[in-house]
Amino acid sequence: MQVAIPLYPRFTALDAVGPYTVLAFAPGFTVTFVAAEPGPVTDDKGGLTLEATASYASIPRPDVILVPGGIGTFDALADQALLDWITQAHPHSRWTTSVCSGALLLGAAGLLDGRKATTHWALLEHLATYGAEPVSERTVVEGKIVTAAGVSAGIDMALTLLAQASDVETAQAVQLAIEYDPQPPFNAGSPRTAPAGLAERAIQLIV
């Protein structure tokens, strides 16, 4: 199973690395970071650079497309090479997926029209711009299109995908291998549970 994760300037690191870690642990999966041209790509905090080891042209038909989000998503909406690759690879994929604002790139590629989809809570209503039905859920599966909510939800999405691609036991084994047993110290991970006024402060951290 070949997984391609496109990188673009100012992507969010965990959007890409969380699912990468889940799927790279899975037997029979190969995960490759791709870009228009191979080379380093820096994340949205400017402190982490990942290497795209393959070009879009060299992996035209991956089994899984996994599009991360990030502050750079809004510039990437005008990246025709990226959008063309998503559009052309999608008909041949087994799954086409996104994390966080990566869903906007699926929308811009014309893949979400008439479908339920999710993204980061602060951007959820933007999905309607692309004809999607915004859904406030951690992971949304619509046929072969799978979207995840913000950042850390990519891990949940990748485990969901792995259970479908392999089996539940394999996904559970990977979950145990990476000790994904979240027990956050605060119940503030969603606008539904966060203290009043915290959303505004959180948005200031990501813009």
Protein backbone atom coordinates (compact mmCIF):
# COMPACT_ATOMS: atom_id res chain seq x y z
CA MET A 1 0.00 0.00 0.00
CA GLN A 2 1.67 3.19 -1.19
CA VAL A 3 0.82 6.36 0.77
CA ALA A 4 1.81 9.77 -0.57
CA ILE A 5 1.80 12.83 1.71
CA PRO A 6 2.24 16.10 -0.20
CA LEU A 7 4.27 18.79 1.54
CA TYR A 8 3.97 22.49 0.85
CA PRO A 9 5.48 25.52 2.62
CA ARG A 10 4.08 26.14 6.12
CA PHE A 11 2.29 22.82 6.53
CA THR A 12 1.51 21.76 10.12
CA ALA A 13 4.03 19.14 11.20
CA LEU A 14 1.72 16.88 13.21
CA ASP A 15 -0.83 16.83 10.38
CA ALA A 16 1.77 14.97 8.33
CA VAL A 17 3.89 13.22 10.95
CA GLY A 18 1.02 11.81 13.05
CA PRO A 19 -0.53 9.81 10.18
CA TYR A 20 2.95 9.05 8.83
CA THR A 21 3.88 7.37 12.11
CA VAL A 22 0.69 5.30 12.25
CA LEU A 23 0.92 4.08 8.67
CA ALA A 24 4.70 3.65 8.61
CA PHE A 25 4.34 1.18 11.50
CA ALA A 26 1.73 -0.83 9.58
CA PRO A 27 2.89 -3.97 7.74
CA GLY A 28 2.77 -3.61 3.98
CA PHE A 29 2.60 0.20 3.93
CA THR A 30 5.16 2.53 2.36
CA VAL A 31 4.78 6.23 3.15
CA THR A 32 6.47 8.86 0.99
CA PHE A 33 6.58 12.63 1.36
CA VAL A 34 6.12 14.25 -2.06
CA ALA A 35 6.25 17.76 -3.52
CA ALA A 36 6.45 19.38 -6.94
CA GLU A 37 10.18 18.70 -6.75
CA PRO A 38 12.11 16.65 -4.17
CA GLY A 39 13.71 18.69 -1.44
CA PRO A 40 13.25 20.25 2.01
CA VAL A 41 9.94 21.81 3.04
CA THR A 42 9.59 23.85 6.24
CA ASP A 43 6.57 23.73 8.54
CA ASP A 44 4.34 26.60 9.67
CA LYS A 45 6.39 27.29 12.80
CA GLY A 46 9.63 27.60 10.88
CA GLY A 47 11.49 25.20 13.14
CA LEU A 48 11.02 21.83 11.43
CA THR A 49 11.92 20.81 7.90
CA LEU A 50 10.89 17.55 6.28
CA GLU A 51 12.37 16.14 3.11
CA ALA A 52 10.12 15.41 0.17
CA THR A 53 11.91 12.44 -1.33
CA ALA A 54 9.79 12.16 -4.48
CA SER A 55 8.05 14.44 -6.94
CA TYR A 56 4.36 14.43 -7.81
CA ALA A 57 5.27 13.13 -11.26
CA SER A 58 7.14 10.14 -9.85
CA ILE A 59 4.13 8.98 -7.78
CA PRO A 60 1.14 9.73 -10.00
CA ARG A 61 -1.14 7.02 -8.63
CA PRO A 62 -0.62 6.32 -4.91
CA ASP A 63 -3.02 4.00 -3.14
CA VAL A 64 -3.57 6.62 -0.46
CA ILE A 65 -3.40 10.41 -0.81
CA LEU A 66 -3.01 12.12 2.57
CA VAL A 67 -3.13 15.93 2.46
CA PRO A 68 -2.00 17.79 5.60
CA GLY A 69 -3.14 21.27 6.58
CA GLY A 70 -1.38 24.28 8.02
CA ILE A 71 -1.16 28.05 7.78
CA GLY A 72 0.30 27.54 4.31
CA THR A 73 -2.92 25.93 3.10
CA PHE A 74 -4.29 29.29 2.00
CA ASP A 75 -1.31 29.92 -0.27
CA ALA A 76 -1.42 26.30 -1.42
CA LEU A 77 -4.98 26.84 -2.67
CA ALA A 78 -3.29 28.65 -5.58
CA ASP A 79 -0.68 25.91 -6.07
CA GLN A 80 -1.85 24.49 -9.38
CA ALA A 81 0.75 21.72 -9.43
CA LEU A 82 -0.53 20.40 -6.09
CA LEU A 83 -4.21 20.72 -7.03
CA ASP A 84 -3.61 19.05 -10.40
CA TRP A 85 -1.80 16.16 -8.73
CA ILE A 86 -4.67 15.64 -6.26
CA THR A 87 -7.26 15.84 -9.05
CA GLN A 88 -5.40 13.44 -11.33
CA ALA A 89 -4.38 10.96 -8.63
CA HIS A 90 -7.77 10.77 -6.91
CA PRO A 91 -9.57 8.62 -9.54
CA HIS A 92 -6.91 5.94 -9.07
CA SER A 93 -6.57 6.06 -5.27
CA ARG A 94 -8.06 3.61 -2.87
CA TRP A 95 -8.47 6.42 -0.35
CA THR A 96 -8.09 10.18 -0.59
CA THR A 97 -7.70 11.80 2.82
CA SER A 98 -6.96 15.05 4.59
CA VAL A 99 -6.08 16.38 8.00
CA CYS A 100 -7.20 19.77 9.33
CA SER A 101 -7.25 22.49 6.66
CA GLY A 102 -6.00 19.97 4.11
CA ALA A 103 -9.72 19.41 3.50
CA LEU A 104 -9.83 22.83 1.84
CA LEU A 105 -7.33 21.55 -0.73
CA LEU A 106 -9.54 18.53 -1.42
CA GLY A 107 -12.41 20.98 -1.84
CA ALA A 108 -10.42 23.19 -4.19
CA ALA A 109 -9.61 20.09 -6.23
CA GLY A 110 -13.36 19.53 -6.61
CA LEU A 111 -13.60 16.39 -4.49
CA LEU A 112 -15.98 17.45 -1.71
CA ASP A 113 -18.99 18.73 -3.61
CA GLY A 114 -22.10 17.13 -2.10
CA ARG A 115 -20.10 15.21 0.51
CA LYS A 116 -19.90 15.43 4.28
CA ALA A 117 -16.47 16.52 5.47
CA THR A 118 -14.67 17.92 8.48
CA THR A 119 -11.68 20.11 9.23
CA HIS A 120 -10.34 22.24 12.09
CA TRP A 121 -13.22 23.74 14.10
CA ALA A 122 -12.15 27.30 13.24
CA LEU A 123 -12.45 26.58 9.50
CA LEU A 124 -15.39 24.22 9.45
CA GLU A 125 -17.85 26.55 7.74
CA HIS A 126 -15.34 27.23 4.94
CA LEU A 127 -16.06 23.74 3.62
CA ALA A 128 -19.45 24.92 2.40
CA THR A 129 -17.59 27.13 -0.10
CA TYR A 130 -16.66 23.94 -1.92
CA GLY A 131 -20.13 22.41 -1.81
CA ALA A 132 -19.36 20.18 1.15
CA GLU A 133 -21.61 19.58 4.15
CA PRO A 134 -19.54 20.59 7.20
CA VAL A 135 -19.66 17.99 9.99
CA SER A 136 -18.19 18.57 13.45
CA GLU A 137 -16.72 15.11 13.97
CA ARG A 138 -13.24 13.80 14.62
CA THR A 139 -13.15 11.69 11.44
CA VAL A 140 -15.62 11.62 8.56
CA VAL A 141 -15.69 8.75 6.08
CA GLU A 142 -17.53 9.41 2.82
CA GLY A 143 -16.83 6.51 0.51
CA LYS A 144 -13.13 6.61 -0.25
CA ILE A 145 -12.75 10.20 0.96
CA VAL A 146 -11.75 10.47 4.62
CA THR A 147 -11.35 13.83 6.34
CA ALA A 148 -10.04 14.53 9.83
CA ALA A 149 -10.58 17.47 12.15
CA GLY A 150 -7.70 19.57 13.48
CA VAL A 151 -4.08 18.46 13.76
CA SER A 152 -4.10 15.63 16.34
CA ALA A 153 -7.22 14.13 14.71
CA GLY A 154 -4.93 12.89 11.93
CA ILE A 155 -3.80 10.08 14.20
CA ASP A 156 -7.41 8.97 14.73
CA MET A 157 -8.03 9.20 10.99
CA ALA A 158 -4.98 7.12 10.15
CA LEU A 159 -6.01 4.40 12.59
CA THR A 160 -9.54 4.42 11.13
CA LEU A 161 -8.07 4.14 7.65
CA LEU A 162 -5.72 1.35 8.70
CA ALA A 163 -8.60 -0.69 10.16
CA GLN A 164 -10.37 -0.48 6.80
CA ALA A 165 -7.27 -1.10 4.70
CA SER A 166 -6.06 -4.03 6.80
CA ASP A 167 -8.18 -5.06 9.77
CA VAL A 168 -9.12 -3.85 13.22
CA GLU A 169 -6.53 -6.02 14.96
CA THR A 170 -3.71 -4.51 12.87
CA ALA A 171 -4.91 -1.00 13.69
CA GLN A 172 -5.13 -1.91 17.36
CA ALA A 173 -1.62 -3.38 17.27
CA VAL A 174 -0.25 -0.15 15.79
CA GLN A 175 -2.16 1.90 18.37
CA LEU A 176 -0.55 -0.15 21.12
CA ALA A 177 2.89 -0.02 19.48
CA ILE A 178 2.85 3.77 19.46
CA GLU A 179 1.11 3.83 22.88
CA TYR A 180 -1.64 6.08 21.60
CA ASP A 181 -3.64 6.27 24.83
CA PRO A 182 -4.60 9.94 25.10
CA GLN A 183 -5.39 11.19 28.57
CA PRO A 184 -5.11 14.97 28.26
CA PRO A 185 -4.68 16.96 31.46
CA PHE A 186 -7.48 19.35 30.45
CA ASN A 187 -10.89 18.96 28.85
CA ALA A 188 -10.25 21.87 26.49
CA GLY A 189 -9.63 20.12 23.18
CA SER A 190 -12.96 21.12 21.61
CA PRO A 191 -14.97 24.33 21.47
CA ARG A 192 -17.78 22.34 23.07
CA THR A 193 -15.77 21.70 26.24
CA ALA A 194 -13.25 24.56 26.39
CA PRO A 195 -13.75 27.40 28.89
CA ALA A 196 -15.59 30.45 27.66
CA GLY A 197 -13.37 32.88 25.77
CA LEU A 198 -10.61 30.36 25.11
CA ALA A 199 -11.44 29.96 21.43
CA GLU A 200 -10.36 33.50 20.64
CA ARG A 201 -7.01 32.96 22.35
CA ALA A 202 -6.55 29.64 20.52
CA ILE A 203 -7.19 31.24 17.14
CA GLN A 204 -4.50 33.83 17.87
CA LEU A 205 -2.04 30.96 18.22
CA ILE A 206 -2.74 29.55 14.76
CA VAL A 207 -3.06 32.58 12.54
